């Protein structure tokens, strides 16, 4: 069994893939998950080709059963869980009076509901890790849109604000068990989700996925007595950063 192990959802590209690489490079056995098996297998192959301990597990996190199966498969393989990264996300823009119910439910299910389910079902493993070494970690990818709602992204903004509140509340419950919860709140990150804005901001001038991956490393390297509940990422000199 691995000495440390992690689960990363939304791990086939962007932020999730960068965090998966960083954790695996630091000796974690990583289970990466995403909805599309083909894309996930390709991402995992790039990591395993570098000698990293990464196992792909396809899952649509909008399905409670598939989230449960993901955690069960990880436990069977690794026997432990020290880091849970809830990173799967979807953003669909529209005016509030044109919100499509199906697309609204998708964002609520993927961006918020799945985080609750994953934390709930992973908590026994996280509590064991917290009791063992005093610093199990939950990282929830929120957004700067959760810090200040963005027009035409009302549902997305609401889900990400919910992730921040969920993270804060969970920390109050599990802090005494040696578990830390941190919400990451980035502005535009150079990922497939931000392709729509690349005409306004060059990809190379966006926050990079590796910036968030290095932040996860920081969270794991600080002492068990140092809690960082939330991190906001913005572009230097961008006065509109809090509205993106």
Protein backbone atom coordinates (compact mmCIF):
# COMPACT_ATOMS: atom_id res chain seq x y z
CA UNK A 1 0.00 0.00 0.00
CA UNK A 2 1.11 3.56 -0.69
CA UNK A 3 2.32 5.72 2.19
CA UNK A 4 0.08 8.56 0.95
CA UNK A 5 -2.82 8.54 -1.49
CA UNK A 6 -5.10 11.05 -3.19
CA UNK A 7 -8.23 11.32 -5.32
CA UNK A 8 -8.56 14.10 -7.89
CA UNK A 9 -11.82 14.64 -9.78
CA UNK A 10 -11.83 16.57 -13.03
CA UNK A 11 -8.34 15.18 -13.44
CA UNK A 12 -8.10 14.70 -17.20
CA UNK A 13 -6.97 18.24 -18.03
CA UNK A 14 -6.26 21.71 -16.71
CA UNK A 15 -6.18 22.25 -12.96
CA UNK A 16 -6.98 18.66 -12.04
CA UNK A 17 -4.27 17.20 -14.26
CA UNK A 18 -1.68 19.65 -12.92
CA UNK A 19 -2.58 18.82 -9.31
CA UNK A 20 -2.51 15.10 -10.08
CA UNK A 21 0.98 15.41 -11.52
CA UNK A 22 2.24 17.41 -8.55
CA UNK A 23 0.86 14.94 -6.03
CA UNK A 24 2.19 11.93 -7.92
CA UNK A 25 5.61 13.57 -8.25
CA UNK A 26 5.60 14.01 -4.49
CA UNK A 27 5.02 10.30 -3.91
CA UNK A 28 1.24 10.03 -3.70
CA UNK A 29 -0.67 7.19 -5.29
CA UNK A 30 -3.24 9.18 -7.22
CA UNK A 31 -6.63 8.11 -8.50
CA UNK A 32 -7.69 10.55 -11.19
CA UNK A 33 -11.25 10.74 -12.35
CA UNK A 34 -13.18 12.42 -15.14
CA UNK A 35 -16.34 11.82 -17.11
CA UNK A 36 -14.83 10.89 -20.49
CA UNK A 37 -12.92 7.58 -20.35
CA UNK A 38 -10.92 8.24 -23.52
CA UNK A 39 -9.63 11.62 -22.40
CA UNK A 40 -8.96 10.31 -18.89
CA UNK A 41 -6.96 7.33 -20.16
CA UNK A 42 -4.88 9.64 -22.32
CA UNK A 43 -4.16 11.95 -19.37
CA UNK A 44 -3.23 9.02 -17.13
CA UNK A 45 -0.93 7.63 -19.81
CA UNK A 46 1.06 10.89 -19.91
CA UNK A 47 1.63 10.61 -16.16
CA UNK A 48 2.39 6.89 -15.98
CA UNK A 49 4.84 7.33 -18.86
CA UNK A 50 6.82 9.52 -16.48
CA UNK A 51 6.89 6.73 -13.90
CA UNK A 52 4.15 8.21 -11.72
CA UNK A 53 1.67 6.13 -9.69
CA UNK A 54 -1.61 7.21 -11.27
CA UNK A 55 -4.75 5.17 -11.86
CA UNK A 56 -7.67 6.41 -13.98
CA UNK A 57 -11.22 5.81 -12.78
CA UNK A 58 -13.94 7.23 -15.04
CA UNK A 59 -16.90 8.72 -13.18
CA UNK A 60 -19.68 11.16 -13.88
CA UNK A 61 -19.74 12.97 -10.55
CA UNK A 62 -23.33 14.04 -11.19
CA UNK A 63 -24.17 10.42 -10.30
CA UNK A 64 -24.07 9.56 -6.59
CA UNK A 65 -23.49 5.91 -7.41
CA UNK A 66 -20.48 6.71 -9.57
CA UNK A 67 -18.93 8.90 -6.87
CA UNK A 68 -19.40 6.07 -4.38
CA UNK A 69 -17.83 3.62 -6.82
CA UNK A 70 -14.88 5.96 -7.34
CA UNK A 71 -14.10 6.14 -3.64
CA UNK A 72 -14.61 2.41 -3.17
CA UNK A 73 -12.27 1.59 -6.05
CA UNK A 74 -9.64 3.94 -4.66
CA UNK A 75 -9.90 2.37 -1.21
CA UNK A 76 -9.55 -1.12 -2.65
CA UNK A 77 -6.41 -0.10 -4.55
CA UNK A 78 -4.71 2.17 -2.02
CA UNK A 79 -6.23 1.33 1.34
CA UNK A 80 -6.06 4.94 2.47
CA UNK A 81 -6.90 8.53 1.48
CA UNK A 82 -4.87 11.52 2.60
CA UNK A 83 -5.94 14.13 0.04
CA UNK A 84 -9.30 14.63 -1.65
CA UNK A 85 -9.39 17.18 -4.47
CA UNK A 86 -12.91 18.05 -5.61
CA UNK A 87 -12.16 19.75 -8.90
CA UNK A 88 -14.78 18.61 -11.40
CA UNK A 89 -16.73 21.57 -12.67
CA UNK A 90 -18.89 22.94 -15.45
CA UNK A 91 -19.87 26.50 -16.32
CA UNK A 92 -22.75 27.38 -18.63
CA UNK A 93 -23.52 31.02 -19.22
CA UNK A 94 -26.88 32.63 -19.86
CA UNK A 95 -29.02 35.54 -18.75
CA UNK A 96 -30.98 34.75 -15.60
CA UNK A 97 -34.29 34.92 -17.44
CA UNK A 98 -33.02 32.39 -19.98
CA UNK A 99 -31.63 29.77 -17.59
CA UNK A 100 -32.28 26.27 -18.89
CA UNK A 101 -33.39 23.96 -16.09
CA UNK A 102 -31.40 20.98 -17.33
CA UNK A 103 -28.21 23.05 -17.56
CA UNK A 104 -28.90 24.59 -14.17
CA UNK A 105 -29.27 21.15 -12.58
CA UNK A 106 -26.07 19.97 -14.26
CA UNK A 107 -24.07 22.81 -12.71
CA UNK A 108 -25.62 22.27 -9.29
CA UNK A 109 -24.96 18.53 -9.46
CA UNK A 110 -21.37 18.71 -10.71
CA UNK A 111 -20.12 21.87 -9.03
CA UNK A 112 -21.70 21.51 -5.60
CA UNK A 113 -23.71 18.35 -4.95
CA UNK A 114 -20.85 16.07 -6.00
CA UNK A 115 -18.52 17.80 -3.55
CA UNK A 116 -20.88 17.09 -0.68
CA UNK A 117 -21.22 13.43 -1.67
CA UNK A 118 -17.49 12.94 -2.17
CA UNK A 119 -16.61 14.49 1.18
CA UNK A 120 -19.31 12.53 2.96
CA UNK A 121 -18.29 9.17 1.54
CA UNK A 122 -14.55 9.81 1.78
CA UNK A 123 -14.72 11.07 5.35
CA UNK A 124 -14.03 7.73 7.08
CA UNK A 125 -10.76 7.38 5.15
CA UNK A 126 -9.85 11.02 5.72
CA UNK A 127 -10.51 10.69 9.44
CA UNK A 128 -8.16 7.70 9.61
CA UNK A 129 -5.44 9.70 7.86
CA UNK A 130 -6.05 12.68 10.11
CA UNK A 131 -5.74 10.49 13.20
CA UNK A 132 -2.54 8.99 11.83
CA UNK A 133 -0.58 12.09 10.89
CA UNK A 134 -2.73 15.08 11.78
CA UNK A 135 -3.12 16.60 8.36
CA UNK A 136 -5.51 15.03 5.90
CA UNK A 137 -6.49 17.58 3.27
CA UNK A 138 -9.62 18.42 1.29
CA UNK A 139 -9.17 20.87 -1.58
CA UNK A 140 -12.35 22.21 -3.16
CA UNK A 141 -12.01 24.15 -6.41
CA UNK A 142 -14.31 27.15 -6.19
CA UNK A 143 -13.85 30.32 -8.26
CA UNK A 144 -13.44 34.02 -7.90
CA UNK A 145 -17.01 34.08 -9.23
CA UNK A 146 -17.95 32.61 -5.88
CA UNK A 147 -16.49 35.64 -4.14
CA UNK A 148 -18.52 38.09 -6.21
CA UNK A 149 -21.29 36.99 -8.56
CA UNK A 150 -20.71 37.41 -12.26
CA UNK A 151 -23.51 38.45 -14.63
CA UNK A 152 -24.53 35.85 -17.19
CA UNK A 153 -22.96 33.24 -14.92
CA UNK A 154 -25.48 33.43 -12.12
CA UNK A 155 -25.91 29.71 -11.56
CA UNK A 156 -22.18 29.04 -11.84
CA UNK A 157 -21.46 31.88 -9.41
CA UNK A 158 -24.01 30.50 -6.97
CA UNK A 159 -22.51 27.01 -7.07
CA UNK A 160 -19.01 28.35 -6.45
CA UNK A 161 -20.20 30.55 -3.58
CA UNK A 162 -21.79 27.37 -2.25
CA UNK A 163 -18.44 25.56 -2.47
CA UNK A 164 -16.82 28.28 -0.35
CA UNK A 165 -19.56 28.06 2.28
CA UNK A 166 -19.47 24.27 2.19
CA UNK A 167 -15.72 24.31 2.75
CA UNK A 168 -15.98 26.71 5.68
CA UNK A 169 -18.74 24.71 7.35
CA UNK A 170 -16.99 21.39 6.84
CA UNK A 171 -13.81 22.75 8.37
CA UNK A 172 -15.72 23.66 11.51
CA UNK A 173 -16.86 20.05 11.79
CA UNK A 174 -13.66 18.16 11.00
CA UNK A 175 -10.81 20.40 12.15
CA UNK A 176 -10.46 18.56 15.45
CA UNK A 177 -10.03 15.29 13.50
CA UNK A 178 -6.82 16.42 11.83
CA UNK A 179 -8.51 17.35 8.56
CA UNK A 180 -8.04 20.68 6.79
CA UNK A 181 -10.35 22.08 4.12
CA UNK A 182 -9.25 24.74 1.65
CA UNK A 183 -11.26 26.41 -1.12
CA UNK A 184 -9.31 27.57 -4.18
CA UNK A 185 -10.84 30.66 -5.79
CA UNK A 186 -9.09 31.45 -9.08
CA UNK A 187 -9.87 34.01 -11.72
CA UNK A 188 -9.32 32.93 -15.34
CA UNK A 189 -7.04 29.89 -15.54
CA UNK A 190 -5.60 28.67 -18.83
CA UNK A 191 -7.77 25.57 -19.21
CA UNK A 192 -10.31 24.28 -21.75
CA UNK A 193 -13.06 25.92 -19.66
CA UNK A 194 -11.71 29.40 -20.44
CA UNK A 195 -11.27 29.01 -24.20
CA UNK A 196 -14.27 31.30 -24.68
CA UNK A 197 -12.41 34.26 -23.16
CA UNK A 198 -9.06 33.81 -24.90
CA UNK A 199 -9.92 36.58 -27.34
CA UNK A 200 -9.89 38.97 -24.39
CA UNK A 201 -7.04 37.50 -22.35
CA UNK A 202 -4.11 35.65 -23.89
CA UNK A 203 -3.73 32.12 -22.49
CA UNK A 204 -0.13 32.76 -21.51
CA UNK A 205 -1.27 35.79 -19.50
CA UNK A 206 -3.82 33.81 -17.51
CA UNK A 207 -3.24 32.06 -14.21
CA UNK A 208 -1.64 28.70 -15.01
CA UNK A 209 -2.90 25.30 -13.79
CA UNK A 210 0.55 24.73 -12.29
CA UNK A 211 0.01 27.78 -10.07
CA UNK A 212 -2.83 25.96 -8.34
CA UNK A 213 -0.86 22.71 -8.24
CA UNK A 214 2.00 24.45 -6.44
CA UNK A 215 -0.54 25.88 -4.01
CA UNK A 216 -1.68 22.36 -3.11
CA UNK A 217 1.96 21.51 -2.43
CA UNK A 218 2.13 24.52 -0.11
CA UNK A 219 -0.98 23.38 1.75
CA UNK A 220 0.58 19.97 2.34
CA UNK A 221 3.94 21.33 3.45
CA UNK A 222 2.71 23.76 6.08
CA UNK A 223 2.34 22.45 9.61
CA UNK A 224 -0.80 20.82 10.93
CA UNK A 225 -1.29 23.93 13.05
CA UNK A 226 -1.46 26.22 9.99
CA UNK A 227 -4.91 26.33 8.41
CA UNK A 228 -5.38 28.16 5.10
CA UNK A 229 -9.15 28.12 4.58
CA UNK A 230 -9.27 29.96 1.27
CA UNK A 231 -6.94 31.20 -1.45
CA UNK A 232 -7.90 33.79 -4.06
CA UNK A 233 -5.92 33.90 -7.32
CA UNK A 234 -5.99 37.02 -9.53
CA UNK A 235 -4.00 38.44 -12.41
CA UNK A 236 -1.64 41.26 -11.38
CA UNK A 237 -2.96 44.72 -12.12
CA UNK A 238 -6.39 43.50 -13.22
CA UNK A 239 -8.98 45.77 -11.58
CA UNK A 240 -11.82 43.59 -12.83
CA UNK A 241 -10.37 40.39 -11.41
CA UNK A 242 -13.02 40.06 -8.74
CA UNK A 243 -15.74 40.15 -11.39
CA UNK A 244 -14.42 37.33 -13.56
